[in-house]
PDB file of N, CA and C in Angstrom:
ATOM      1  N   MET A   1      75.126  97.371 100.187  1.00  0.00           N
ATOM      2  CA  MET A   1      76.551  97.577 100.278  1.00  0.00           C
ATOM      3  C   MET A   1      76.902  98.795  99.423  1.00  0.00           C
ATOM      4  N   SER A   2      77.627  99.698 100.001  1.00  0.00           N
ATOM      5  CA  SER A   2      78.005 100.916  99.279  1.00  0.00           C
ATOM      6  C   SER A   2      79.176 100.629  98.333  1.00  0.00           C
ATOM      7  N   ASN A   3      79.424 101.556  97.430  1.00  0.00           N
ATOM      8  CA  ASN A   3      80.553 101.413  96.497  1.00  0.00           C
ATOM      9  C   ASN A   3      81.875 101.373  97.246  1.00  0.00           C
ATOM     10  N   GLU A   4      81.998 102.174  98.291  1.00  0.00           N
ATOM     11  CA  GLU A   4      83.233 102.193  99.074  1.00  0.00           C
ATOM     12  C   GLU A   4      83.477 100.842  99.733  1.00  0.00           C
ATOM     13  N   GLU A   5      82.433 100.260 100.302  1.00  0.00           N
ATOM     14  CA  GLU A   5      82.560  98.942 100.934  1.00  0.00           C
ATOM     15  C   GLU A   5      82.919  97.879  99.899  1.00  0.00           C
ATOM     16  N   ARG A   6      82.317  97.967  98.740  1.00  0.00           N
ATOM     17  CA  ARG A   6      82.592  97.006  97.673  1.00  0.00           C
ATOM     18  C   ARG A   6      84.054  97.107  97.230  1.00  0.00           C
ATOM     19  N   GLU A   7      84.555  98.327  97.079  1.00  0.00           N
ATOM     20  CA  GLU A   7      85.948  98.520  96.681  1.00  0.00           C
ATOM     21  C   GLU A   7      86.909  97.977  97.737  1.00  0.00           C
ATOM     22  N   LEU A   8      86.601  98.190  99.006  1.00  0.00           N
ATOM     23  CA  LEU A   8      87.442  97.655 100.078  1.00  0.00           C
ATOM     24  C   LEU A   8      87.444  96.130 100.069  1.00  0.00           C
ATOM     25  N   LEU A   9      86.290  95.552  99.831  1.00  0.00           N
ATOM     26  CA  LEU A   9      86.185  94.094  99.774  1.00  0.00           C
ATOM     27  C   LEU A   9      87.003  93.540  98.609  1.00  0.00           C
ATOM     28  N   ILE A  10      86.919  94.177  97.462  1.00  0.00           N
ATOM     29  CA  ILE A  10      87.683  93.736  96.299  1.00  0.00           C
ATOM     30  C   ILE A  10      89.181  93.844  96.567  1.00  0.00           C
ATOM     31  N   LYS A  11      89.623  94.932  97.174  1.00  0.00           N
ATOM     32  CA  LYS A  11      91.042  95.096  97.503  1.00  0.00           C
ATOM     33  C   LYS A  11      91.502  94.008  98.470  1.00  0.00           C
ATOM     34  N   ALA A  12      90.677  93.699  99.453  1.00  0.00           N
ATOM     35  CA  ALA A  12      91.025  92.661 100.424  1.00  0.00           C
ATOM     36  C   ALA A  12      91.141  91.298  99.752  1.00  0.00           C
ATOM     37  N   LEU A  13      90.225  90.988  98.843  1.00  0.00           N
ATOM     38  CA  LEU A  13      90.274  89.715  98.129  1.00  0.00           C
ATOM     39  C   LEU A  13      91.494  89.637  97.209  1.00  0.00           C
ATOM     40  N   GLU A  14      91.818  90.737  96.553  1.00  0.00           N
ATOM     41  CA  GLU A  14      93.006  90.763  95.697  1.00  0.00           C
ATOM     42  C   GLU A  14      94.269  90.537  96.525  1.00  0.00           C
ATOM     43  N   TYR A  15      94.342  91.148  97.688  1.00  0.00           N
ATOM     44  CA  TYR A  15      95.504  90.973  98.563  1.00  0.00           C
ATOM     45  C   TYR A  15      95.589  89.532  99.052  1.00  0.00           C
ATOM     46  N   ALA A  16      94.456  88.950  99.421  1.00  0.00           N
ATOM     47  CA  ALA A  16      94.437  87.562  99.881  1.00  0.00           C
ATOM     48  C   ALA A  16      94.882  86.624  98.766  1.00  0.00           C
ATOM     49  N   GLU A  17      94.457  86.878  97.541  1.00  0.00           N
ATOM     50  CA  GLU A  17      94.881  86.057  96.409  1.00  0.00           C
ATOM     51  C   GLU A  17      96.389  86.180  96.191  1.00  0.00           C
ATOM     52  N   TYR A  18      96.911  87.392  96.271  1.00  0.00           N
ATOM     53  CA  TYR A  18      98.345  87.624  96.108  1.00  0.00           C
ATOM     54  C   TYR A  18      99.134  86.847  97.166  1.00  0.00           C
ATOM     55  N   GLN A  19      98.721  86.961  98.415  1.00  0.00           N
ATOM     56  CA  GLN A  19      99.430  86.286  99.514  1.00  0.00           C
ATOM     57  C   GLN A  19      99.382  84.766  99.351  1.00  0.00           C
ATOM     58  N   THR A  20      98.227  84.245  99.009  1.00  0.00           N
ATOM     59  CA  THR A  20      98.074  82.799  98.850  1.00  0.00           C
ATOM     60  C   THR A  20      98.928  82.286  97.704  1.00  0.00           C
ATOM     61  N   LEU A  21      98.899  82.990  96.583  1.00  0.00           N
ATOM     62  CA  LEU A  21      99.687  82.569  95.436  1.00  0.00           C
ATOM     63  C   LEU A  21     101.185  82.679  95.722  1.00  0.00           C
ATOM     64  N   ARG A  22     101.584  83.725  96.414  1.00  0.00           N
ATOM     65  CA  ARG A  22     103.000  83.899  96.782  1.00  0.00           C
ATOM     66  C   ARG A  22     103.452  82.756  97.690  1.00  0.00           C
ATOM     67  N   ASP A  23     102.626  82.408  98.685  1.00  0.00           N
ATOM     68  CA  ASP A  23     102.974  81.317  99.601  1.00  0.00           C
ATOM     69  C   ASP A  23     103.076  79.978  98.864  1.00  0.00           C
ATOM     70  N   LYS A  24     102.157  79.722  97.960  1.00  0.00           N
ATOM     71  CA  LYS A  24     102.204  78.479  97.184  1.00  0.00           C
ATOM     72  C   LYS A  24     103.435  78.451  96.282  1.00  0.00           C
ATOM     73  N   ALA A  25     103.785  79.589  95.707  1.00  0.00           N
ATOM     74  CA  ALA A  25     104.959  79.659  94.841  1.00  0.00           C
ATOM     75  C   ALA A  25     106.226  79.385  95.649  1.00  0.00           C
ATOM     76  N   MET A  26     106.294  79.916  96.860  1.00  0.00           N
ATOM     77  CA  MET A  26     107.460  79.688  97.714  1.00  0.00           C
ATOM     78  C   MET A  26     107.623  78.210  98.055  1.00  0.00           C
ATOM     79  N   LYS A  27     106.516  77.490  98.128  1.00  0.00           N
ATOM     80  CA  LYS A  27     106.552  76.070  98.497  1.00  0.00           C
ATOM     81  C   LYS A  27     106.554  75.156  97.275  1.00  0.00           C
ATOM     82  N   ASN A  28     106.703  75.755  96.076  1.00  0.00           N
ATOM     83  CA  ASN A  28     106.693  74.991  94.822  1.00  0.00           C
ATOM     84  C   ASN A  28     105.442  74.124  94.671  1.00  0.00           C
ATOM     85  N   GLN A  29     104.297  74.677  95.022  1.00  0.00           N
ATOM     86  CA  GLN A  29     103.041  73.949  94.907  1.00  0.00           C
ATOM     87  C   GLN A  29     102.339  74.283  93.593  1.00  0.00           C
ATOM     88  N   GLN A  30     101.286  73.547  93.334  1.00  0.00           N
ATOM     89  CA  GLN A  30     100.483  73.728  92.130  1.00  0.00           C
ATOM     90  C   GLN A  30      99.209  74.513  92.476  1.00  0.00           C
ATOM     91  N   VAL A  31      98.652  75.184  91.473  1.00  0.00           N
ATOM     92  CA  VAL A  31      97.336  75.804  91.618  1.00  0.00           C
ATOM     93  C   VAL A  31      96.431  75.204  90.553  1.00  0.00           C
ATOM     94  N   VAL A  32      95.143  75.144  90.855  1.00  0.00           N
ATOM     95  CA  VAL A  32      94.172  74.544  89.944  1.00  0.00           C
ATOM     96  C   VAL A  32      93.440  75.660  89.209  1.00  0.00           C
ATOM     97  N   HIS A  33      93.355  75.521  87.904  1.00  0.00           N
ATOM     98  CA  HIS A  33      92.655  76.478  87.058  1.00  0.00           C
ATOM     99  C   HIS A  33      91.561  75.752  86.292  1.00  0.00           C
ATOM    100  N   CYS A  34      90.675  76.533  85.713  1.00  0.00           N
ATOM    101  CA  CYS A  34      89.622  75.983  84.877  1.00  0.00           C
ATOM    102  C   CYS A  34      89.480  76.877  83.648  1.00  0.00           C
ATOM    103  N   THR A  35      89.463  76.280  82.472  1.00  0.00           N
ATOM    104  CA  THR A  35      89.282  77.057  81.252  1.00  0.00           C
ATOM    105  C   THR A  35      87.818  77.443  81.112  1.00  0.00           C
ATOM    106  N   GLU A  36      87.529  78.306  80.152  1.00  0.00           N
ATOM    107  CA  GLU A  36      86.153  78.753  79.948  1.00  0.00           C
ATOM    108  C   GLU A  36      85.223  77.612  79.552  1.00  0.00           C
ATOM    109  N   ASP A  37      85.782  76.583  78.901  1.00  0.00           N
ATOM    110  CA  ASP A  37      84.939  75.452  78.507  1.00  0.00           C
ATOM    111  C   ASP A  37      84.908  74.344  79.554  1.00  0.00           C
ATOM    112  N   GLY A  38      85.445  74.618  80.760  1.00  0.00           N
ATOM    113  CA  GLY A  38      85.298  73.701  81.885  1.00  0.00           C
ATOM    114  C   GLY A  38      86.401  72.687  82.073  1.00  0.00           C
ATOM    115  N   VAL A  39      87.484  72.795  81.347  1.00  0.00           N
ATOM    116  CA  VAL A  39      88.593  71.856  81.497  1.00  0.00           C
ATOM    117  C   VAL A  39      89.444  72.296  82.690  1.00  0.00           C
ATOM    118  N   VAL A  40      89.615  71.386  83.631  1.00  0.00           N
ATOM    119  CA  VAL A  40      90.388  71.665  84.847  1.00  0.00           C
ATOM    120  C   VAL A  40      91.825  71.208  84.636  1.00  0.00           C
ATOM    121  N   TYR A  41      92.779  72.044  85.054  1.00  0.00           N
ATOM    122  CA  TYR A  41      94.184  71.690  84.929  1.00  0.00           C
ATOM    123  C   TYR A  41      94.986  72.324  86.057  1.00  0.00           C
ATOM    124  N   GLU A  42      96.168  71.763  86.301  1.00  0.00           N
ATOM    125  CA  GLU A  42      97.077  72.288  87.320  1.00  0.00           C
ATOM    126  C   GLU A  42      98.239  72.993  86.640  1.00  0.00           C
ATOM    127  N   GLU A  43      98.761  73.999  87.348  1.00  0.00           N
ATOM    128  CA  GLU A  43      99.883  74.771  86.837  1.00  0.00           C
ATOM    129  C   GLU A  43     100.753  75.159  88.026  1.00  0.00           C
ATOM    130  N   PRO A  44     102.069  75.205  87.854  1.00  0.00           N
ATOM    131  CA  PRO A  44     102.932  75.615  88.957  1.00  0.00           C
ATOM    132  C   PRO A  44     102.599  77.037  89.423  1.00  0.00           C
ATOM    133  N   ALA A  45     102.484  77.219  90.721  1.00  0.00           N
ATOM    134  CA  ALA A  45     102.157  78.523  91.279  1.00  0.00           C
ATOM    135  C   ALA A  45     103.220  79.560  90.932  1.00  0.00           C
ATOM    136  N   ARG A  46     104.468  79.125  90.805  1.00  0.00           N
ATOM    137  CA  ARG A  46     105.550  80.055  90.448  1.00  0.00           C
ATOM    138  C   ARG A  46     105.286  80.698  89.089  1.00  0.00           C
ATOM    139  N   ASP A  47     104.857  79.902  88.114  1.00  0.00           N
ATOM    140  CA  ASP A  47     104.581  80.419  86.775  1.00  0.00           C
ATOM    141  C   ASP A  47     103.429  81.424  86.801  1.00  0.00           C
ATOM    142  N   VAL A  48     102.396  81.082  87.535  1.00  0.00           N
ATOM    143  CA  VAL A  48     101.228  81.966  87.623  1.00  0.00           C
ATOM    144  C   VAL A  48     101.604  83.267  88.319  1.00  0.00           C
ATOM    145  N   PHE A  49     102.361  83.174  89.396  1.00  0.00           N
ATOM    146  CA  PHE A  49     102.761  84.356  90.157  1.00  0.00           C
ATOM    147  C   PHE A  49     103.564  85.316  89.282  1.00  0.00           C
ATOM    148  N   VAL A  50     104.544  84.788  88.567  1.00  0.00           N
ATOM    149  CA  VAL A  50     105.384  85.629  87.710  1.00  0.00           C
ATOM    150  C   VAL A  50     104.541  86.249  86.600  1.00  0.00           C
ATOM    151  N   ARG A  51     103.662  85.478  86.006  1.00  0.00           N
ATOM    152  CA  ARG A  51     102.827  85.975  84.906  1.00  0.00           C
ATOM    153  C   ARG A  51     101.855  87.061  85.362  1.00  0.00           C
ATOM    154  N   LEU A  52     101.223  86.876  86.512  1.00  0.00           N
ATOM    155  CA  LEU A  52     100.211  87.825  86.975  1.00  0.00           C
ATOM    156  C   LEU A  52     100.805  89.103  87.579  1.00  0.00           C
ATOM    157  N   TYR A  53     101.895  88.961  88.317  1.00  0.00           N
ATOM    158  CA  TYR A  53     102.390  90.103  89.091  1.00  0.00           C
ATOM    159  C   TYR A  53     103.711  90.682  88.575  1.00  0.00           C
ATOM    160  N   ASN A  54     104.271  90.086  87.535  1.00  0.00           N
ATOM    161  CA  ASN A  54     105.527  90.577  86.960  1.00  0.00           C
ATOM    162  C   ASN A  54     106.605  90.807  88.019  1.00  0.00           C
ATOM    163  N   GLU A  55     106.669  89.883  88.950  1.00  0.00           N
ATOM    164  CA  GLU A  55     107.676  89.903  90.010  1.00  0.00           C
ATOM    165  C   GLU A  55     108.468  88.606  89.920  1.00  0.00           C
ATOM    166  N   PRO A  56     109.703  88.601  90.402  1.00  0.00           N
ATOM    167  CA  PRO A  56     110.445  87.339  90.421  1.00  0.00           C
ATOM    168  C   PRO A  56     109.759  86.330  91.347  1.00  0.00           C
ATOM    169  N   ALA A  57     109.906  85.081  91.017  1.00  0.00           N
ATOM    170  CA  ALA A  57     109.313  84.042  91.854  1.00  0.00           C
ATOM    171  C   ALA A  57     109.923  84.095  93.245  1.00  0.00           C
ATOM    172  N   PRO A  58     109.097  84.082  94.284  1.00  0.00           N
ATOM    173  CA  PRO A  58     109.614  84.157  95.641  1.00  0.00           C
ATOM    174  C   PRO A  58     110.303  82.864  96.060  1.00  0.00           C
ATOM    175  N   SER A  59     111.226  82.990  96.972  1.00  0.00           N
ATOM    176  CA  SER A  59     111.899  81.811  97.538  1.00  0.00           C
ATOM    177  C   SER A  59     112.127  82.057  99.010  1.00  0.00           C
ATOM    178  N   PHE A  60     112.505  81.016  99.713  1.00  0.00           N
ATOM    179  CA  PHE A  60     112.723  81.135 101.157  1.00  0.00           C
ATOM    180  C   PHE A  60     113.933  81.958 101.455  1.00  0.00           C
TER     181      PHE A  60
END
């Protein structure tokens, strides 16, 4: 896989993550996270979306 292909793949995955998180935030759903020591927890998608993308939480 060339560097160009790798960069395109990474961009596509980042976009897919953005879309999925935005859709979950719009539906007031939870997302599952895992800490470095393996503790699994849920967090509102709206909080994660605002924190990661510095955008207002989406709504319908």
